[in-house]
C-alpha atoms as a PDB file:
ATOM      1  CA  MET A   1       6.259 103.423 330.183  1.00  0.00           C
ATOM      2  CA  SER A   2       6.014 104.545 333.793  1.00  0.00           C
ATOM      3  CA  ALA A   3       5.368 108.055 334.972  1.00  0.00           C
ATOM      4  CA  LEU A   4       9.014 108.709 335.830  1.00  0.00           C
ATOM      5  CA  SER A   5       9.694 112.370 335.106  1.00  0.00           C
ATOM      6  CA  LEU A   6      12.988 112.034 333.190  1.00  0.00           C
ATOM      7  CA  ALA A   7      14.792 114.366 330.810  1.00  0.00           C
ATOM      8  CA  VAL A   8      17.958 113.479 328.922  1.00  0.00           C
ATOM      9  CA  VAL A   9      20.468 116.226 328.136  1.00  0.00           C
ATOM     10  CA  ILE A  10      22.973 115.557 325.353  1.00  0.00           C
ATOM     11  CA  PRO A  11      25.719 118.053 324.424  1.00  0.00           C
ATOM     12  CA  THR A  12      26.552 117.976 320.716  1.00  0.00           C
ATOM     13  CA  LEU A  13      29.103 119.347 318.299  1.00  0.00           C
ATOM     14  CA  ASN A  14      28.958 117.900 314.782  1.00  0.00           C
ATOM     15  CA  ALA A  15      27.498 114.657 316.137  1.00  0.00           C
ATOM     16  CA  ALA A  16      25.296 113.708 313.181  1.00  0.00           C
ATOM     17  CA  LEU A  17      27.095 110.385 312.657  1.00  0.00           C
ATOM     18  CA  THR A  18      26.585 109.116 316.216  1.00  0.00           C
ATOM     19  CA  LEU A  19      23.524 110.891 317.580  1.00  0.00           C
ATOM     20  CA  GLY A  20      21.023 108.619 315.833  1.00  0.00           C
ATOM     21  CA  ALA A  21      22.292 105.477 317.581  1.00  0.00           C
ATOM     22  CA  THR A  22      22.365 107.271 320.914  1.00  0.00           C
ATOM     23  CA  LEU A  23      18.763 108.408 320.558  1.00  0.00           C
ATOM     24  CA  ALA A  24      17.665 104.971 319.346  1.00  0.00           C
ATOM     25  CA  SER A  25      19.000 103.433 322.565  1.00  0.00           C
ATOM     26  CA  LEU A  26      16.720 105.784 324.530  1.00  0.00           C
ATOM     27  CA  GLU A  27      13.591 105.184 322.495  1.00  0.00           C
ATOM     28  CA  GLY A  28      10.409 105.119 324.547  1.00  0.00           C
ATOM     29  CA  GLY A  29      12.042 105.862 327.862  1.00  0.00           C
ATOM     30  CA  VAL A  30      12.321 109.636 328.019  1.00  0.00           C
ATOM     31  CA  ARG A  31       9.769 112.360 328.725  1.00  0.00           C
ATOM     32  CA  ARG A  32      11.945 115.168 327.352  1.00  0.00           C
ATOM     33  CA  LEU A  33      15.042 115.081 325.162  1.00  0.00           C
ATOM     34  CA  VAL A  34      17.280 118.137 325.143  1.00  0.00           C
ATOM     35  CA  VAL A  35      20.151 118.523 322.691  1.00  0.00           C
ATOM     36  CA  ALA A  36      22.514 121.306 323.750  1.00  0.00           C
ATOM     37  CA  ASP A  37      24.415 122.204 320.616  1.00  0.00           C
ATOM     38  CA  GLY A  38      27.687 124.107 320.518  1.00  0.00           C
ATOM     39  CA  GLY A  39      27.567 125.275 316.894  1.00  0.00           C
ATOM     40  CA  SER A  40      27.282 122.189 314.695  1.00  0.00           C
ATOM     41  CA  ASP A  41      27.400 122.643 310.931  1.00  0.00           C
ATOM     42  CA  ASP A  42      26.798 119.020 309.900  1.00  0.00           C
ATOM     43  CA  GLY A  43      23.031 118.817 310.289  1.00  0.00           C
ATOM     44  CA  THR A  44      23.047 117.732 313.939  1.00  0.00           C
ATOM     45  CA  ARG A  45      20.476 120.323 314.983  1.00  0.00           C
ATOM     46  CA  ASP A  46      18.124 119.587 312.094  1.00  0.00           C
ATOM     47  CA  PHE A  47      18.277 115.868 312.845  1.00  0.00           C
ATOM     48  CA  ALA A  48      17.610 116.429 316.549  1.00  0.00           C
ATOM     49  CA  ARG A  49      14.589 118.613 315.818  1.00  0.00           C
ATOM     50  CA  ALA A  50      13.279 116.066 313.310  1.00  0.00           C
ATOM     51  CA  VAL A  51      13.143 113.377 316.004  1.00  0.00           C
ATOM     52  CA  GLY A  52      11.398 115.674 318.476  1.00  0.00           C
ATOM     53  CA  ALA A  53      14.270 116.908 320.602  1.00  0.00           C
ATOM     54  CA  LEU A  54      14.368 120.384 322.074  1.00  0.00           C
ATOM     55  CA  VAL A  55      17.505 122.002 320.645  1.00  0.00           C
ATOM     56  CA  VAL A  56      19.221 124.540 322.867  1.00  0.00           C
ATOM     57  CA  GLU A  57      22.034 126.540 321.287  1.00  0.00           C
ATOM     58  CA  SER A  58      24.972 127.268 323.548  1.00  0.00           C
ATOM     59  CA  PRO A  59      28.512 128.595 323.424  1.00  0.00           C
ATOM     60  CA  ARG A  60      30.897 125.777 322.514  1.00  0.00           C
ATOM     61  CA  GLY A  61      32.269 123.806 325.456  1.00  0.00           C
ATOM     62  CA  ARG A  62      30.768 120.767 327.111  1.00  0.00           C
ATOM     63  CA  GLY A  63      30.389 122.417 330.523  1.00  0.00           C
ATOM     64  CA  ALA A  64      28.515 125.394 329.097  1.00  0.00           C
ATOM     65  CA  GLN A  65      26.388 123.138 326.894  1.00  0.00           C
ATOM     66  CA  LEU A  66      25.426 120.802 329.741  1.00  0.00           C
ATOM     67  CA  ALA A  67      24.470 123.786 331.887  1.00  0.00           C
ATOM     68  CA  ALA A  68      22.383 125.280 329.076  1.00  0.00           C
ATOM     69  CA  GLY A  69      20.619 121.991 328.477  1.00  0.00           C
ATOM     70  CA  ALA A  70      19.859 121.496 332.159  1.00  0.00           C
ATOM     71  CA  ALA A  71      18.443 125.023 332.373  1.00  0.00           C
ATOM     72  CA  ALA A  72      15.781 124.008 329.845  1.00  0.00           C
ATOM     73  CA  VAL A  73      14.628 121.014 331.911  1.00  0.00           C
ATOM     74  CA  THR A  74      11.548 120.995 334.144  1.00  0.00           C
ATOM     75  CA  GLU A  75      11.457 117.235 334.828  1.00  0.00           C
ATOM     76  CA  ASP A  76      12.332 115.807 338.241  1.00  0.00           C
ATOM     77  CA  TRP A  77      15.284 113.727 337.001  1.00  0.00           C
ATOM     78  CA  ILE A  78      18.046 114.555 334.517  1.00  0.00           C
ATOM     79  CA  LEU A  79      20.258 112.079 332.700  1.00  0.00           C
ATOM     80  CA  PHE A  80      23.337 113.675 331.158  1.00  0.00           C
ATOM     81  CA  LEU A  81      24.629 111.611 328.254  1.00  0.00           C
ATOM     82  CA  HIS A  82      27.286 112.045 325.571  1.00  0.00           C
ATOM     83  CA  ALA A  83      26.283 112.034 321.911  1.00  0.00           C
ATOM     84  CA  ASP A  84      28.449 108.992 321.111  1.00  0.00           C
ATOM     85  CA  THR A  85      27.216 106.839 324.015  1.00  0.00           C
ATOM     86  CA  ARG A  86      24.451 104.234 323.771  1.00  0.00           C
ATOM     87  CA  LEU A  87      22.742 102.835 326.842  1.00  0.00           C
ATOM     88  CA  GLY A  88      22.424  99.066 327.060  1.00  0.00           C
ATOM     89  CA  ALA A  89      19.265  97.024 327.340  1.00  0.00           C
ATOM     90  CA  GLY A  90      17.494  97.392 330.661  1.00  0.00           C
ATOM     91  CA  TRP A  91      18.588 100.961 331.293  1.00  0.00           C
ATOM     92  CA  ARG A  92      15.065 102.227 331.880  1.00  0.00           C
ATOM     93  CA  PRO A  93      14.171  99.710 334.661  1.00  0.00           C
ATOM     94  CA  ALA A  94      17.555 100.384 336.290  1.00  0.00           C
ATOM     95  CA  VAL A  95      16.863 104.118 336.289  1.00  0.00           C
ATOM     96  CA  GLU A  96      13.362 103.561 337.671  1.00  0.00           C
ATOM     97  CA  ARG A  97      14.703 101.430 340.539  1.00  0.00           C
ATOM     98  CA  PHE A  98      17.288 104.064 341.359  1.00  0.00           C
ATOM     99  CA  ALA A  99      14.711 106.847 341.277  1.00  0.00           C
ATOM    100  CA  ALA A 100      12.277 104.863 343.455  1.00  0.00           C
ATOM    101  CA  ASP A 101      14.673 104.919 346.433  1.00  0.00           C
ATOM    102  CA  PRO A 102      14.042 108.179 348.347  1.00  0.00           C
ATOM    103  CA  GLU A 103      17.667 108.271 349.533  1.00  0.00           C
ATOM    104  CA  ASN A 104      18.831 108.628 345.934  1.00  0.00           C
ATOM    105  CA  ALA A 105      17.259 112.076 345.734  1.00  0.00           C
ATOM    106  CA  GLY A 106      20.554 113.214 347.259  1.00  0.00           C
ATOM    107  CA  ARG A 107      22.781 110.955 345.175  1.00  0.00           C
ATOM    108  CA  ALA A 108      23.761 110.501 341.533  1.00  0.00           C
ATOM    109  CA  GLY A 109      24.027 107.364 339.406  1.00  0.00           C
ATOM    110  CA  TYR A 110      26.322 106.411 336.552  1.00  0.00           C
ATOM    111  CA  PHE A 111      26.570 103.435 334.181  1.00  0.00           C
ATOM    112  CA  ARG A 112      29.314 100.879 333.508  1.00  0.00           C
ATOM    113  CA  LEU A 113      31.727 102.002 330.811  1.00  0.00           C
ATOM    114  CA  ARG A 114      32.016  99.786 327.737  1.00  0.00           C
ATOM    115  CA  PHE A 115      33.696 100.522 324.403  1.00  0.00           C
ATOM    116  CA  ASP A 116      32.246  99.586 321.027  1.00  0.00           C
ATOM    117  CA  THR A 117      35.199  97.373 320.080  1.00  0.00           C
ATOM    118  CA  PRO A 118      36.289  93.800 320.804  1.00  0.00           C
ATOM    119  CA  HIS A 119      39.917  94.897 321.273  1.00  0.00           C
ATOM    120  CA  PRO A 120      41.335  93.227 324.423  1.00  0.00           C
ATOM    121  CA  ALA A 121      42.919  96.504 325.535  1.00  0.00           C
ATOM    122  CA  ALA A 122      39.456  98.035 325.748  1.00  0.00           C
ATOM    123  CA  ARG A 123      38.568  95.604 328.526  1.00  0.00           C
ATOM    124  CA  ARG A 124      41.591  96.789 330.516  1.00  0.00           C
ATOM    125  CA  VAL A 125      40.558 100.438 330.210  1.00  0.00           C
ATOM    126  CA  GLU A 126      36.995  99.524 331.193  1.00  0.00           C
ATOM    127  CA  ARG A 127      38.216  97.781 334.356  1.00  0.00           C
ATOM    128  CA  LEU A 128      40.365 100.768 335.262  1.00  0.00           C
ATOM    129  CA  ALA A 129      37.437 103.110 334.659  1.00  0.00           C
ATOM    130  CA  GLY A 130      35.255 100.978 336.924  1.00  0.00           C
ATOM    131  CA  TRP A 131      37.885 101.061 339.651  1.00  0.00           C
ATOM    132  CA  ARG A 132      38.306 104.816 339.309  1.00  0.00           C
ATOM    133  CA  ALA A 133      34.547 105.369 339.564  1.00  0.00           C
ATOM    134  CA  ARG A 134      33.954 103.052 342.534  1.00  0.00           C
ATOM    135  CA  THR A 135      37.110 103.819 344.503  1.00  0.00           C
ATOM    136  CA  LEU A 136      37.824 107.450 343.731  1.00  0.00           C
ATOM    137  CA  GLY A 137      34.299 108.597 342.926  1.00  0.00           C
ATOM    138  CA  LEU A 138      35.362 109.822 339.483  1.00  0.00           C
ATOM    139  CA  PRO A 139      33.237 108.245 336.746  1.00  0.00           C
ATOM    140  CA  TYR A 140      33.955 109.329 333.177  1.00  0.00           C
ATOM    141  CA  GLY A 141      31.499 111.646 331.464  1.00  0.00           C
ATOM    142  CA  ASP A 142      31.048 108.795 328.976  1.00  0.00           C
ATOM    143  CA  GLN A 143      29.333 106.816 331.754  1.00  0.00           C
ATOM    144  CA  GLY A 144      26.394 109.208 331.935  1.00  0.00           C
ATOM    145  CA  LEU A 145      25.115 110.888 335.073  1.00  0.00           C
ATOM    146  CA  LEU A 146      21.634 110.509 336.556  1.00  0.00           C
ATOM    147  CA  ILE A 147      20.591 113.071 339.151  1.00  0.00           C
ATOM    148  CA  THR A 148      17.490 114.840 340.412  1.00  0.00           C
ATOM    149  CA  ARG A 149      17.071 118.346 339.104  1.00  0.00           C
ATOM    150  CA  ALA A 150      16.741 119.629 342.681  1.00  0.00           C
ATOM    151  CA  PHE A 151      20.039 118.045 343.761  1.00  0.00           C
ATOM    152  CA  TYR A 152      21.742 119.233 340.585  1.00  0.00           C
ATOM    153  CA  GLU A 153      20.615 122.787 341.197  1.00  0.00           C
ATOM    154  CA  SER A 154      21.579 122.658 344.889  1.00  0.00           C
ATOM    155  CA  LEU A 155      25.140 121.833 343.795  1.00  0.00           C
ATOM    156  CA  GLY A 156      25.264 124.804 341.460  1.00  0.00           C
ATOM    157  CA  GLY A 157      25.132 122.804 338.242  1.00  0.00           C
ATOM    158  CA  PHE A 158      27.844 122.345 335.656  1.00  0.00           C
ATOM    159  CA  ARG A 159      30.358 125.134 335.344  1.00  0.00           C
ATOM    160  CA  PRO A 160      31.257 126.505 331.883  1.00  0.00           C
ATOM    161  CA  LEU A 161      34.569 124.658 331.595  1.00  0.00           C
ATOM    162  CA  PRO A 162      35.935 123.541 328.196  1.00  0.00           C
ATOM    163  CA  LEU A 163      37.289 120.346 329.772  1.00  0.00           C
ATOM    164  CA  MET A 164      37.106 118.487 333.111  1.00  0.00           C
ATOM    165  CA  GLU A 165      33.535 119.653 333.636  1.00  0.00           C
ATOM    166  CA  ASP A 166      32.568 116.096 334.579  1.00  0.00           C
ATOM    167  CA  VAL A 167      35.414 115.715 337.097  1.00  0.00           C
ATOM    168  CA  GLU A 168      34.709 119.101 338.647  1.00  0.00           C
ATOM    169  CA  PHE A 169      31.025 118.325 339.046  1.00  0.00           C
ATOM    170  CA  VAL A 170      31.301 114.792 340.456  1.00  0.00           C
ATOM    171  CA  ARG A 171      33.856 116.054 342.977  1.00  0.00           C
ATOM    172  CA  ARG A 172      31.146 118.363 344.269  1.00  0.00           C
ATOM    173  CA  ILE A 173      28.733 115.436 344.432  1.00  0.00           C
ATOM    174  CA  GLY A 174      31.263 113.421 346.421  1.00  0.00           C
ATOM    175  CA  ALA A 175      32.270 109.766 346.170  1.00  0.00           C
ATOM    176  CA  THR A 176      29.903 108.618 348.932  1.00  0.00           C
ATOM    177  CA  ARG A 177      26.916 109.978 346.994  1.00  0.00           C
ATOM    178  CA  LEU A 178      27.664 108.203 343.709  1.00  0.00           C
ATOM    179  CA  ARG A 179      26.185 104.828 342.740  1.00  0.00           C
ATOM    180  CA  GLU A 180      26.918 102.519 339.799  1.00  0.00           C
ATOM    181  CA  LEU A 181      23.875 101.367 337.827  1.00  0.00           C
ATOM    182  CA  PRO A 182      24.039  97.761 336.510  1.00  0.00           C
ATOM    183  CA  VAL A 183      23.766  98.702 332.835  1.00  0.00           C
ATOM    184  CA  ASP A 184      26.438  99.330 330.184  1.00  0.00           C
ATOM    185  CA  ALA A 185      27.078 102.708 328.625  1.00  0.00           C
ATOM    186  CA  VAL A 186      28.588 101.746 325.270  1.00  0.00           C
ATOM    187  CA  THR A 187      30.744 104.552 323.986  1.00  0.00           C
ATOM    188  CA  SER A 188      32.906 105.200 320.948  1.00  0.00           C
ATOM    189  CA  ALA A 189      36.461 103.844 321.016  1.00  0.00           C
ATOM    190  CA  ALA A 190      37.554 106.153 318.168  1.00  0.00           C
ATOM    191  CA  ARG A 191      39.795 108.372 320.297  1.00  0.00           C
ATOM    192  CA  TYR A 192      41.558 105.371 321.826  1.00  0.00           C
ATOM    193  CA  GLU A 193      41.984 103.649 318.468  1.00  0.00           C
ATOM    194  CA  ARG A 194      43.434 106.831 317.030  1.00  0.00           C
ATOM    195  CA  ASP A 195      45.825 107.640 319.873  1.00  0.00           C
ATOM    196  CA  GLY A 196      46.604 104.147 321.185  1.00  0.00           C
ATOM    197  CA  TRP A 197      45.227 102.044 324.047  1.00  0.00           C
ATOM    198  CA  TRP A 198      48.208 102.904 326.247  1.00  0.00           C
ATOM    199  CA  ALA A 199      48.882 106.467 325.114  1.00  0.00           C
ATOM    200  CA  ARG A 200      45.279 107.708 325.424  1.00  0.00           C
ATOM    201  CA  PRO A 201      44.779 106.583 329.047  1.00  0.00           C
ATOM    202  CA  MET A 202      48.171 108.040 329.967  1.00  0.00           C
ATOM    203  CA  ARG A 203      47.188 111.334 328.366  1.00  0.00           C
ATOM    204  CA  ASN A 204      43.887 111.294 330.265  1.00  0.00           C
ATOM    205  CA  LEU A 205      45.749 110.612 333.524  1.00  0.00           C
ATOM    206  CA  ALA A 206      48.154 113.463 332.804  1.00  0.00           C
ATOM    207  CA  CYS A 207      45.223 115.814 332.196  1.00  0.00           C
ATOM    208  CA  LEU A 208      43.538 114.709 335.415  1.00  0.00           C
ATOM    209  CA  SER A 209      46.774 115.184 337.369  1.00  0.00           C
ATOM    210  CA  LEU A 210      47.277 118.656 335.954  1.00  0.00           C
ATOM    211  CA  TYR A 211      43.718 119.588 336.831  1.00  0.00           C
ATOM    212  CA  ALA A 212      44.161 118.288 340.383  1.00  0.00           C
ATOM    213  CA  ALA A 213      47.300 120.417 340.621  1.00  0.00           C
ATOM    214  CA  GLY A 214      45.300 123.528 339.744  1.00  0.00           C
ATOM    215  CA  VAL A 215      46.194 123.963 336.072  1.00  0.00           C
ATOM    216  CA  SER A 216      43.507 125.760 334.061  1.00  0.00           C
ATOM    217  CA  PRO A 217      41.301 123.486 331.904  1.00  0.00           C
ATOM    218  CA  ARG A 218      41.930 125.825 328.967  1.00  0.00           C
ATOM    219  CA  ILE A 219      45.641 124.991 329.177  1.00  0.00           C
ATOM    220  CA  ILE A 220      44.943 121.280 329.647  1.00  0.00           C
ATOM    221  CA  MET A 221      42.854 121.333 326.459  1.00  0.00           C
ATOM    222  CA  ARG A 222      46.085 121.625 324.456  1.00  0.00           C
ATOM    223  CA  LEU A 223      47.278 118.297 325.840  1.00  0.00           C
ATOM    224  CA  TYR A 224      43.942 116.517 325.710  1.00  0.00           C
ATOM    225  CA  GLY A 225      43.584 116.689 321.928  1.00  0.00           C
END
């Protein structure tokens, strides 16, 4: 393993069923692992501590948890990752190449979204997510976010929002300072399989539109489900 100074911050809430696979995908490539927990009661925190993660307890809400996790980091680079997302093979070399370019100290990277299902509709949502990220500069939180700690702090970090914390933050980064990394971020399709491959994206779009119109994330939470 190279000397890349990398910490991974993972927000959790009752993530015991998925966290193990997420951590396994990172094995050997991380200097510090921070689990920012929002009040799990399913053994998530005990499991994280058992595998050597630093567990930071935070008020519930992904924005607040991400901010709390980042505050515990001293490494040069931070990778924010969801607890149900696994990075594909080759993620570490891709991160090292990104970090080796001095210009990327003022940029952020994200991965290609993939769902853990062979359903044909998943491929459609993945293509739309790729277009949204590249064209609009709005990658999903499920795609991870790689950023230097200095750049993160200069932007003011994540704000304690219950929803849309990823959209709010990448808008401050700006589309011209975002880069796609050539590695898959394989994430759970459970929400889409539950709600429908048409209905879930439409609900996400409605939430994004409401947020862009200035509606409070706390109100949007009722629609998001």
